[in-house]
Amino acid sequence: MDDERLVERFEADRPRLLTVAYRMLGSPTEAHDAVQDAWLRLTRTDVDRIENCAGG
């Protein structure tokens, strides 16, 4: 998966990720931080080995 496609995929999933993170953490700020951390981790991962990026 190329970088542009990865960004598009993550941005498409961002609203759902924020919703889940907010439910878990109870704070919009912490939810945004958690999603940003997930993005940073994803960019350091070999994305070709990910079978289900959305995890759904």
PDB file of N, CA and C in Angstrom:
ATOM      1  N   MET A   1       0.858  -1.171   0.000  1.00  0.00           N
ATOM      2  CA  MET A   1       0.000   0.000   0.000  1.00  0.00           C
ATOM      3  C   MET A   1       0.903   1.234   0.000  1.00  0.00           C
ATOM      4  N   ASP A   2       0.641   2.147  -0.904  1.00  0.00           N
ATOM      5  CA  ASP A   2       1.462   3.354  -0.967  1.00  0.00           C
ATOM      6  C   ASP A   2       1.016   4.370   0.087  1.00  0.00           C
ATOM      7  N   ASP A   3       1.846   5.365   0.300  1.00  0.00           N
ATOM      8  CA  ASP A   3       1.602   6.354   1.358  1.00  0.00           C
ATOM      9  C   ASP A   3       0.290   7.113   1.160  1.00  0.00           C
ATOM     10  N   GLU A   4       0.007   7.494  -0.074  1.00  0.00           N
ATOM     11  CA  GLU A   4      -1.216   8.261  -0.340  1.00  0.00           C
ATOM     12  C   GLU A   4      -2.461   7.429  -0.026  1.00  0.00           C
ATOM     13  N   ARG A   5      -2.444   6.178  -0.401  1.00  0.00           N
ATOM     14  CA  ARG A   5      -3.586   5.303  -0.127  1.00  0.00           C
ATOM     15  C   ARG A   5      -3.741   5.063   1.371  1.00  0.00           C
ATOM     16  N   LEU A   6      -2.615   4.948   2.070  1.00  0.00           N
ATOM     17  CA  LEU A   6      -2.659   4.759   3.516  1.00  0.00           C
ATOM     18  C   LEU A   6      -3.299   5.970   4.201  1.00  0.00           C
ATOM     19  N   VAL A   7      -2.921   7.160   3.774  1.00  0.00           N
ATOM     20  CA  VAL A   7      -3.500   8.380   4.336  1.00  0.00           C
ATOM     21  C   VAL A   7      -5.000   8.416   4.071  1.00  0.00           C
ATOM     22  N   GLU A   8      -5.408   8.131   2.842  1.00  0.00           N
ATOM     23  CA  GLU A   8      -6.832   8.133   2.497  1.00  0.00           C
ATOM     24  C   GLU A   8      -7.599   7.121   3.346  1.00  0.00           C
ATOM     25  N   ARG A   9      -7.040   5.950   3.509  1.00  0.00           N
ATOM     26  CA  ARG A   9      -7.708   4.900   4.283  1.00  0.00           C
ATOM     27  C   ARG A   9      -7.845   5.302   5.751  1.00  0.00           C
ATOM     28  N   PHE A  10      -6.772   5.832   6.315  1.00  0.00           N
ATOM     29  CA  PHE A  10      -6.812   6.234   7.714  1.00  0.00           C
ATOM     30  C   PHE A  10      -7.802   7.377   7.924  1.00  0.00           C
ATOM     31  N   GLU A  11      -7.788   8.357   7.034  1.00  0.00           N
ATOM     32  CA  GLU A  11      -8.699   9.494   7.161  1.00  0.00           C
ATOM     33  C   GLU A  11     -10.154   9.054   7.017  1.00  0.00           C
ATOM     34  N   ALA A  12     -10.409   8.056   6.205  1.00  0.00           N
ATOM     35  CA  ALA A  12     -11.771   7.528   6.075  1.00  0.00           C
ATOM     36  C   ALA A  12     -12.222   6.866   7.378  1.00  0.00           C
ATOM     37  N   ASP A  13     -11.291   6.253   8.092  1.00  0.00           N
ATOM     38  CA  ASP A  13     -11.597   5.570   9.350  1.00  0.00           C
ATOM     39  C   ASP A  13     -11.531   6.485  10.569  1.00  0.00           C
ATOM     40  N   ARG A  14     -10.979   7.677  10.408  1.00  0.00           N
ATOM     41  CA  ARG A  14     -10.768   8.577  11.547  1.00  0.00           C
ATOM     42  C   ARG A  14     -12.030   8.864  12.365  1.00  0.00           C
ATOM     43  N   PRO A  15     -13.179   9.163  11.764  1.00  0.00           N
ATOM     44  CA  PRO A  15     -14.368   9.435  12.588  1.00  0.00           C
ATOM     45  C   PRO A  15     -14.749   8.249  13.486  1.00  0.00           C
ATOM     46  N   ARG A  16     -14.689   7.040  12.947  1.00  0.00           N
ATOM     47  CA  ARG A  16     -15.003   5.858  13.750  1.00  0.00           C
ATOM     48  C   ARG A  16     -13.975   5.671  14.856  1.00  0.00           C
ATOM     49  N   LEU A  17     -12.711   5.878  14.535  1.00  0.00           N
ATOM     50  CA  LEU A  17     -11.655   5.736  15.541  1.00  0.00           C
ATOM     51  C   LEU A  17     -11.836   6.760  16.665  1.00  0.00           C
ATOM     52  N   LEU A  18     -12.181   7.990  16.308  1.00  0.00           N
ATOM     53  CA  LEU A  18     -12.410   9.022  17.322  1.00  0.00           C
ATOM     54  C   LEU A  18     -13.591   8.663  18.218  1.00  0.00           C
ATOM     55  N   THR A  19     -14.641   8.123  17.619  1.00  0.00           N
ATOM     56  CA  THR A  19     -15.813   7.725  18.400  1.00  0.00           C
ATOM     57  C   THR A  19     -15.462   6.632  19.400  1.00  0.00           C
ATOM     58  N   VAL A  20     -14.752   5.627  18.943  1.00  0.00           N
ATOM     59  CA  VAL A  20     -14.361   4.523  19.828  1.00  0.00           C
ATOM     60  C   VAL A  20     -13.421   5.029  20.922  1.00  0.00           C
ATOM     61  N   ALA A  21     -12.442   5.839  20.535  1.00  0.00           N
ATOM     62  CA  ALA A  21     -11.490   6.362  21.521  1.00  0.00           C
ATOM     63  C   ALA A  21     -12.197   7.235  22.552  1.00  0.00           C
ATOM     64  N   TYR A  22     -13.154   8.040  22.125  1.00  0.00           N
ATOM     65  CA  TYR A  22     -13.897   8.885  23.054  1.00  0.00           C
ATOM     66  C   TYR A  22     -14.690   8.041  24.044  1.00  0.00           C
ATOM     67  N   ARG A  23     -15.336   6.985  23.539  1.00  0.00           N
ATOM     68  CA  ARG A  23     -16.090   6.095  24.435  1.00  0.00           C
ATOM     69  C   ARG A  23     -15.172   5.443  25.468  1.00  0.00           C
ATOM     70  N   MET A  24     -13.977   5.110  25.045  1.00  0.00           N
ATOM     71  CA  MET A  24     -13.038   4.441  25.953  1.00  0.00           C
ATOM     72  C   MET A  24     -12.411   5.416  26.947  1.00  0.00           C
ATOM     73  N   LEU A  25     -12.097   6.617  26.481  1.00  0.00           N
ATOM     74  CA  LEU A  25     -11.317   7.544  27.285  1.00  0.00           C
ATOM     75  C   LEU A  25     -12.139   8.646  27.946  1.00  0.00           C
ATOM     76  N   GLY A  26     -13.296   8.966  27.385  1.00  0.00           N
ATOM     77  CA  GLY A  26     -14.184   9.950  27.987  1.00  0.00           C
ATOM     78  C   GLY A  26     -13.775  11.397  27.802  1.00  0.00           C
ATOM     79  N   SER A  27     -12.793  11.640  26.972  1.00  0.00           N
ATOM     80  CA  SER A  27     -12.316  13.007  26.760  1.00  0.00           C
ATOM     81  C   SER A  27     -12.008  13.211  25.277  1.00  0.00           C
ATOM     82  N   PRO A  28     -12.554  14.271  24.686  1.00  0.00           N
ATOM     83  CA  PRO A  28     -12.249  14.520  23.273  1.00  0.00           C
ATOM     84  C   PRO A  28     -10.750  14.732  23.020  1.00  0.00           C
ATOM     85  N   THR A  29     -10.102  15.433  23.928  1.00  0.00           N
ATOM     86  CA  THR A  29      -8.669  15.680  23.772  1.00  0.00           C
ATOM     87  C   THR A  29      -7.879  14.381  23.808  1.00  0.00           C
ATOM     88  N   GLU A  30      -8.191  13.537  24.775  1.00  0.00           N
ATOM     89  CA  GLU A  30      -7.496  12.256  24.864  1.00  0.00           C
ATOM     90  C   GLU A  30      -7.821  11.360  23.679  1.00  0.00           C
ATOM     91  N   ALA A  31      -9.046  11.428  23.179  1.00  0.00           N
ATOM     92  CA  ALA A  31      -9.427  10.638  22.009  1.00  0.00           C
ATOM     93  C   ALA A  31      -8.607  11.066  20.791  1.00  0.00           C
ATOM     94  N   HIS A  32      -8.482  12.376  20.578  1.00  0.00           N
ATOM     95  CA  HIS A  32      -7.679  12.873  19.455  1.00  0.00           C
ATOM     96  C   HIS A  32      -6.217  12.461  19.614  1.00  0.00           C
ATOM     97  N   ASP A  33      -5.692  12.533  20.822  1.00  0.00           N
ATOM     98  CA  ASP A  33      -4.309  12.111  21.069  1.00  0.00           C
ATOM     99  C   ASP A  33      -4.119  10.625  20.767  1.00  0.00           C
ATOM    100  N   ALA A  34      -5.091   9.801  21.164  1.00  0.00           N
ATOM    101  CA  ALA A  34      -4.996   8.358  20.924  1.00  0.00           C
ATOM    102  C   ALA A  34      -5.026   8.045  19.431  1.00  0.00           C
ATOM    103  N   VAL A  35      -5.884   8.733  18.692  1.00  0.00           N
ATOM    104  CA  VAL A  35      -5.965   8.505  17.248  1.00  0.00           C
ATOM    105  C   VAL A  35      -4.683   8.988  16.568  1.00  0.00           C
ATOM    106  N   GLN A  36      -4.152  10.099  17.018  1.00  0.00           N
ATOM    107  CA  GLN A  36      -2.882  10.580  16.462  1.00  0.00           C
ATOM    108  C   GLN A  36      -1.761   9.600  16.754  1.00  0.00           C
ATOM    109  N   ASP A  37      -1.751   9.041  17.955  1.00  0.00           N
ATOM    110  CA  ASP A  37      -0.747   8.033  18.303  1.00  0.00           C
ATOM    111  C   ASP A  37      -0.897   6.793  17.419  1.00  0.00           C
ATOM    112  N   ALA A  38      -2.133   6.415  17.138  1.00  0.00           N
ATOM    113  CA  ALA A  38      -2.368   5.270  16.254  1.00  0.00           C
ATOM    114  C   ALA A  38      -1.815   5.551  14.858  1.00  0.00           C
ATOM    115  N   TRP A  39      -2.005   6.785  14.393  1.00  0.00           N
ATOM    116  CA  TRP A  39      -1.466   7.156  13.082  1.00  0.00           C
ATOM    117  C   TRP A  39       0.062   7.071  13.073  1.00  0.00           C
ATOM    118  N   LEU A  40       0.680   7.606  14.091  1.00  0.00           N
ATOM    119  CA  LEU A  40       2.146   7.567  14.153  1.00  0.00           C
ATOM    120  C   LEU A  40       2.665   6.134  14.189  1.00  0.00           C
ATOM    121  N   ARG A  41       1.996   5.274  14.939  1.00  0.00           N
ATOM    122  CA  ARG A  41       2.393   3.861  14.980  1.00  0.00           C
ATOM    123  C   ARG A  41       2.199   3.198  13.619  1.00  0.00           C
ATOM    124  N   LEU A  42       1.091   3.526  12.965  1.00  0.00           N
ATOM    125  CA  LEU A  42       0.817   2.939  11.653  1.00  0.00           C
ATOM    126  C   LEU A  42       1.884   3.330  10.639  1.00  0.00           C
ATOM    127  N   THR A  43       2.345   4.570  10.695  1.00  0.00           N
ATOM    128  CA  THR A  43       3.352   5.017   9.726  1.00  0.00           C
ATOM    129  C   THR A  43       4.700   4.341   9.937  1.00  0.00           C
ATOM    130  N   ARG A  44       4.900   3.748  11.103  1.00  0.00           N
ATOM    131  CA  ARG A  44       6.153   3.035  11.380  1.00  0.00           C
ATOM    132  C   ARG A  44       6.009   1.526  11.197  1.00  0.00           C
ATOM    133  N   THR A  45       4.875   1.096  10.671  1.00  0.00           N
ATOM    134  CA  THR A  45       4.579  -0.321  10.523  1.00  0.00           C
ATOM    135  C   THR A  45       4.722  -0.739   9.069  1.00  0.00           C
ATOM    136  N   ASP A  46       5.079  -1.982   8.856  1.00  0.00           N
ATOM    137  CA  ASP A  46       5.102  -2.541   7.504  1.00  0.00           C
ATOM    138  C   ASP A  46       3.655  -2.803   7.104  1.00  0.00           C
ATOM    139  N   VAL A  47       3.043  -1.837   6.443  1.00  0.00           N
ATOM    140  CA  VAL A  47       1.606  -1.911   6.154  1.00  0.00           C
ATOM    141  C   VAL A  47       1.250  -3.023   5.175  1.00  0.00           C
ATOM    142  N   ASP A  48       2.210  -3.521   4.436  1.00  0.00           N
ATOM    143  CA  ASP A  48       1.931  -4.631   3.531  1.00  0.00           C
ATOM    144  C   ASP A  48       1.591  -5.909   4.294  1.00  0.00           C
ATOM    145  N   ARG A  49       1.920  -5.960   5.555  1.00  0.00           N
ATOM    146  CA  ARG A  49       1.632  -7.145   6.368  1.00  0.00           C
ATOM    147  C   ARG A  49       0.301  -7.042   7.107  1.00  0.00           C
ATOM    148  N   ILE A  50      -0.380  -5.898   7.001  1.00  0.00           N
ATOM    149  CA  ILE A  50      -1.663  -5.711   7.675  1.00  0.00           C
ATOM    150  C   ILE A  50      -2.760  -6.309   6.813  1.00  0.00           C
ATOM    151  N   GLU A  51      -3.522  -7.225   7.400  1.00  0.00           N
ATOM    152  CA  GLU A  51      -4.585  -7.895   6.653  1.00  0.00           C
ATOM    153  C   GLU A  51      -5.899  -7.127   6.721  1.00  0.00           C
ATOM    154  N   ASN A  52      -6.187  -6.467   7.855  1.00  0.00           N
ATOM    155  CA  ASN A  52      -7.449  -5.766   8.026  1.00  0.00           C
ATOM    156  C   ASN A  52      -7.168  -4.416   8.672  1.00  0.00           C
ATOM    157  N   CYS A  53      -6.937  -3.419   7.865  1.00  0.00           N
ATOM    158  CA  CYS A  53      -6.544  -2.103   8.370  1.00  0.00           C
ATOM    159  C   CYS A  53      -7.634  -1.476   9.250  1.00  0.00           C
ATOM    160  N   ALA A  54      -8.896  -1.673   8.880  1.00  0.00           N
ATOM    161  CA  ALA A  54      -9.990  -1.086   9.662  1.00  0.00           C
ATOM    162  C   ALA A  54     -10.236  -1.845  10.943  1.00  0.00           C
ATOM    163  N   GLY A  55      -9.837  -3.090  10.990  1.00  0.00           N
ATOM    164  CA  GLY A  55     -10.014  -3.884  12.209  1.00  0.00           C
ATOM    165  C   GLY A  55     -11.458  -4.171  12.541  1.00  0.00           C
ATOM    166  N   GLY A  56     -12.335  -4.024  11.592  1.00  0.00           N
ATOM    167  CA  GLY A  56     -13.761  -4.179  11.863  1.00  0.00           C
ATOM    168  C   GLY A  56     -14.319  -5.499  11.571  1.00  0.00           C
TER     169      GLY A  56
END
